[in-house]
Amino acid sequence: MNLEDLQPGDVVFAASHIYNDGGIPKVPEDKLLAEPGTRGVIVETGHLEEAPDRKVYLVRFEDTELNLGPPTGCWPEELKTAN
């Protein structure tokens, strides 16, 4: 499945290490949010005002106890559709 076809509720996996860049409140900046292969669910898709030509995905990744973490903005290159 192509990332462009994904909708909210679809499962994705982290393709790389994903850290908080400071955009998630109450989470320390530079905290590791997902390691490669971590499963997540798309919450929303859209575009940033600063980059209207690039799609961004809001994803909640599972932790080691399978709880969903905070919504995290991800670029397409940070995600994959199969583990």
N, C-alpha and C. Protein backbone atom coordinates (compact mmCIF):
# COMPACT_ATOMS: atom_id res chain seq x y z
N MET A 1 0.84 -1.18 0.00
CA MET A 1 0.00 0.00 0.00
C MET A 1 0.89 1.24 0.00
N ASN A 2 0.49 2.23 -0.75
CA ASN A 2 1.22 3.48 -0.87
C ASN A 2 0.83 4.42 0.27
N LEU A 3 1.79 5.13 0.84
CA LEU A 3 1.50 6.07 1.92
C LEU A 3 0.45 7.11 1.51
N GLU A 4 0.48 7.53 0.27
CA GLU A 4 -0.47 8.55 -0.21
C GLU A 4 -1.92 8.08 -0.09
N ASP A 5 -2.15 6.77 -0.08
CA ASP A 5 -3.50 6.21 -0.02
C ASP A 5 -4.01 6.03 1.41
N LEU A 6 -3.14 6.23 2.39
CA LEU A 6 -3.52 5.97 3.78
C LEU A 6 -4.46 7.02 4.34
N GLN A 7 -5.32 6.57 5.21
CA GLN A 7 -6.34 7.41 5.84
C GLN A 7 -6.27 7.25 7.36
N PRO A 8 -6.91 8.13 8.12
CA PRO A 8 -6.98 7.94 9.57
C PRO A 8 -7.52 6.55 9.91
N GLY A 9 -6.87 5.92 10.88
CA GLY A 9 -7.22 4.57 11.30
C GLY A 9 -6.32 3.50 10.71
N ASP A 10 -5.57 3.84 9.66
CA ASP A 10 -4.66 2.88 9.05
C ASP A 10 -3.40 2.72 9.89
N VAL A 11 -2.83 1.52 9.86
CA VAL A 11 -1.63 1.19 10.62
C VAL A 11 -0.39 1.48 9.77
N VAL A 12 0.61 2.08 10.40
CA VAL A 12 1.92 2.34 9.79
C VAL A 12 3.01 1.93 10.77
N PHE A 13 4.24 1.97 10.29
CA PHE A 13 5.39 1.65 11.13
C PHE A 13 6.44 2.73 10.96
N ALA A 14 7.17 3.00 12.04
CA ALA A 14 8.26 3.98 11.96
C ALA A 14 9.36 3.42 11.08
N ALA A 15 9.83 4.21 10.13
CA ALA A 15 10.92 3.79 9.25
C ALA A 15 12.28 4.21 9.81
N SER A 16 12.27 5.09 10.81
CA SER A 16 13.49 5.59 11.42
C SER A 16 13.18 5.96 12.87
N HIS A 17 14.21 6.37 13.60
CA HIS A 17 13.98 6.86 14.95
C HIS A 17 13.22 8.18 14.87
N ILE A 18 12.17 8.32 15.67
CA ILE A 18 11.37 9.54 15.67
C ILE A 18 11.44 10.16 17.06
N TYR A 19 11.89 11.41 17.09
CA TYR A 19 12.08 12.14 18.34
C TYR A 19 11.13 13.33 18.40
N ASN A 20 10.82 13.77 19.61
CA ASN A 20 10.04 15.00 19.77
C ASN A 20 10.93 16.18 19.39
N ASP A 21 10.48 16.95 18.42
CA ASP A 21 11.25 18.12 17.99
C ASP A 21 10.86 19.37 18.78
N GLY A 22 10.10 19.16 19.86
CA GLY A 22 9.64 20.28 20.67
C GLY A 22 8.19 20.63 20.41
N GLY A 23 7.57 19.94 19.44
CA GLY A 23 6.20 20.25 19.07
C GLY A 23 5.14 19.56 19.91
N ILE A 24 5.54 18.63 20.77
CA ILE A 24 4.57 17.91 21.60
C ILE A 24 4.68 18.43 23.03
N PRO A 25 3.64 19.11 23.51
CA PRO A 25 3.67 19.65 24.86
C PRO A 25 3.76 18.54 25.91
N LYS A 26 4.40 18.86 27.01
CA LYS A 26 4.53 17.97 28.17
C LYS A 26 5.36 16.72 27.88
N VAL A 27 6.09 16.71 26.75
CA VAL A 27 7.02 15.63 26.42
C VAL A 27 8.38 16.28 26.23
N PRO A 28 9.40 15.78 26.92
CA PRO A 28 10.72 16.41 26.80
C PRO A 28 11.19 16.49 25.34
N GLU A 29 11.78 17.62 25.00
CA GLU A 29 12.34 17.78 23.66
C GLU A 29 13.44 16.74 23.45
N ASP A 30 13.50 16.19 22.26
CA ASP A 30 14.47 15.16 21.87
C ASP A 30 14.17 13.79 22.48
N LYS A 31 13.00 13.60 23.13
CA LYS A 31 12.63 12.28 23.65
C LYS A 31 12.33 11.36 22.48
N LEU A 32 12.83 10.12 22.55
CA LEU A 32 12.56 9.11 21.53
C LEU A 32 11.10 8.69 21.63
N LEU A 33 10.35 8.85 20.54
CA LEU A 33 8.94 8.52 20.51
C LEU A 33 8.68 7.18 19.84
N ALA A 34 9.53 6.82 18.89
CA ALA A 34 9.37 5.55 18.18
C ALA A 34 10.69 5.10 17.59
N GLU A 35 11.00 3.83 17.76
CA GLU A 35 12.17 3.23 17.12
C GLU A 35 11.73 2.64 15.78
N PRO A 36 12.67 2.39 14.88
CA PRO A 36 12.28 1.77 13.61
C PRO A 36 11.48 0.49 13.85
N GLY A 37 10.38 0.35 13.13
CA GLY A 37 9.53 -0.83 13.26
C GLY A 37 8.39 -0.68 14.26
N THR A 38 8.38 0.42 15.03
CA THR A 38 7.30 0.64 15.99
C THR A 38 5.99 0.86 15.25
N ARG A 39 4.95 0.14 15.69
CA ARG A 39 3.64 0.26 15.06
C ARG A 39 2.91 1.49 15.56
N GLY A 40 2.19 2.13 14.64
CA GLY A 40 1.39 3.29 14.99
C GLY A 40 0.12 3.33 14.18
N VAL A 41 -0.77 4.22 14.55
CA VAL A 41 -2.02 4.40 13.82
C VAL A 41 -2.13 5.86 13.39
N ILE A 42 -2.54 6.06 12.15
CA ILE A 42 -2.72 7.43 11.65
C ILE A 42 -3.97 8.03 12.28
N VAL A 43 -3.80 9.22 12.84
CA VAL A 43 -4.91 9.94 13.46
C VAL A 43 -5.48 10.96 12.47
N GLU A 44 -4.59 11.58 11.69
CA GLU A 44 -5.02 12.62 10.75
C GLU A 44 -3.93 12.81 9.70
N THR A 45 -4.29 13.33 8.56
CA THR A 45 -3.32 13.70 7.54
C THR A 45 -3.58 15.16 7.15
N GLY A 46 -2.55 15.80 6.65
CA GLY A 46 -2.73 17.19 6.26
C GLY A 46 -1.44 17.77 5.73
N HIS A 47 -1.37 19.09 5.77
CA HIS A 47 -0.20 19.83 5.30
C HIS A 47 0.11 20.92 6.31
N LEU A 48 1.37 21.24 6.45
CA LEU A 48 1.77 22.36 7.30
C LEU A 48 1.73 23.63 6.47
N GLU A 49 1.38 24.72 7.11
CA GLU A 49 1.34 26.01 6.42
C GLU A 49 2.70 26.34 5.81
N GLU A 50 3.78 25.96 6.52
CA GLU A 50 5.14 26.25 6.06
C GLU A 50 5.56 25.35 4.91
N ALA A 51 4.87 24.23 4.70
CA ALA A 51 5.23 23.28 3.64
C ALA A 51 3.96 22.74 2.98
N PRO A 52 3.21 23.60 2.28
CA PRO A 52 1.92 23.17 1.73
C PRO A 52 2.01 22.08 0.67
N ASP A 53 3.19 21.89 0.09
CA ASP A 53 3.35 20.87 -0.94
C ASP A 53 3.73 19.50 -0.38
N ARG A 54 3.95 19.41 0.94
CA ARG A 54 4.34 18.14 1.56
C ARG A 54 3.24 17.66 2.50
N LYS A 55 2.89 16.39 2.38
CA LYS A 55 1.88 15.80 3.25
C LYS A 55 2.53 15.44 4.59
N VAL A 56 1.81 15.67 5.67
CA VAL A 56 2.26 15.30 7.00
C VAL A 56 1.21 14.37 7.61
N TYR A 57 1.68 13.41 8.38
CA TYR A 57 0.81 12.42 9.02
C TYR A 57 0.88 12.59 10.52
N LEU A 58 -0.26 12.64 11.18
CA LEU A 58 -0.32 12.67 12.63
C LEU A 58 -0.52 11.22 13.07
N VAL A 59 0.47 10.68 13.79
CA VAL A 59 0.50 9.26 14.13
C VAL A 59 0.65 9.10 15.64
N ARG A 60 -0.07 8.12 16.19
CA ARG A 60 0.12 7.74 17.59
C ARG A 60 0.81 6.38 17.59
N PHE A 61 2.03 6.33 18.13
CA PHE A 61 2.82 5.11 18.16
C PHE A 61 2.59 4.35 19.46
N GLU A 62 2.68 3.02 19.38
CA GLU A 62 2.54 2.18 20.57
C GLU A 62 3.83 2.21 21.38
N ASP A 63 3.68 2.12 22.71
CA ASP A 63 4.84 1.96 23.57
C ASP A 63 5.05 0.47 23.81
N THR A 64 5.97 0.12 24.69
CA THR A 64 6.28 -1.29 24.93
C THR A 64 5.12 -2.07 25.56
N GLU A 65 4.16 -1.33 26.16
CA GLU A 65 2.99 -1.98 26.76
C GLU A 65 1.77 -1.87 25.85
N LEU A 66 1.99 -1.49 24.59
CA LEU A 66 0.96 -1.37 23.56
C LEU A 66 -0.04 -0.24 23.81
N ASN A 67 0.35 0.74 24.64
CA ASN A 67 -0.46 1.94 24.83
C ASN A 67 -0.08 2.94 23.75
N LEU A 68 -1.07 3.67 23.25
CA LEU A 68 -0.79 4.67 22.23
C LEU A 68 -0.21 5.93 22.86
N GLY A 69 0.85 6.43 22.25
CA GLY A 69 1.50 7.64 22.73
C GLY A 69 0.83 8.88 22.17
N PRO A 70 1.44 10.03 22.39
CA PRO A 70 0.85 11.29 21.94
C PRO A 70 0.87 11.39 20.41
N PRO A 71 -0.08 12.14 19.84
CA PRO A 71 -0.05 12.36 18.40
C PRO A 71 1.26 13.03 17.99
N THR A 72 1.88 12.47 16.96
CA THR A 72 3.20 12.90 16.52
C THR A 72 3.18 13.20 15.03
N GLY A 73 3.61 14.37 14.64
CA GLY A 73 3.68 14.72 13.23
C GLY A 73 4.85 14.01 12.56
N CYS A 74 4.58 13.33 11.44
CA CYS A 74 5.62 12.58 10.72
C CYS A 74 5.58 12.91 9.24
N TRP A 75 6.75 13.01 8.63
CA TRP A 75 6.87 13.16 7.19
C TRP A 75 6.78 11.77 6.56
N PRO A 76 6.40 11.67 5.30
CA PRO A 76 6.27 10.36 4.64
C PRO A 76 7.52 9.51 4.74
N GLU A 77 8.70 10.11 4.64
CA GLU A 77 9.94 9.33 4.68
C GLU A 77 10.22 8.73 6.05
N GLU A 78 9.49 9.15 7.08
CA GLU A 78 9.67 8.60 8.42
C GLU A 78 8.76 7.39 8.68
N LEU A 79 7.91 7.06 7.69
CA LEU A 79 6.93 5.99 7.86
C LEU A 79 7.03 4.96 6.77
N LYS A 80 6.55 3.75 7.07
CA LYS A 80 6.41 2.71 6.06
C LYS A 80 5.13 1.95 6.35
N THR A 81 4.63 1.22 5.37
CA THR A 81 3.34 0.55 5.52
C THR A 81 3.47 -0.90 5.97
N ALA A 82 4.66 -1.45 5.94
CA ALA A 82 4.88 -2.82 6.39
C ALA A 82 6.13 -2.86 7.25
N ASN A 83 6.11 -3.74 8.25
CA ASN A 83 7.25 -3.83 9.15
C ASN A 83 8.28 -4.78 8.61
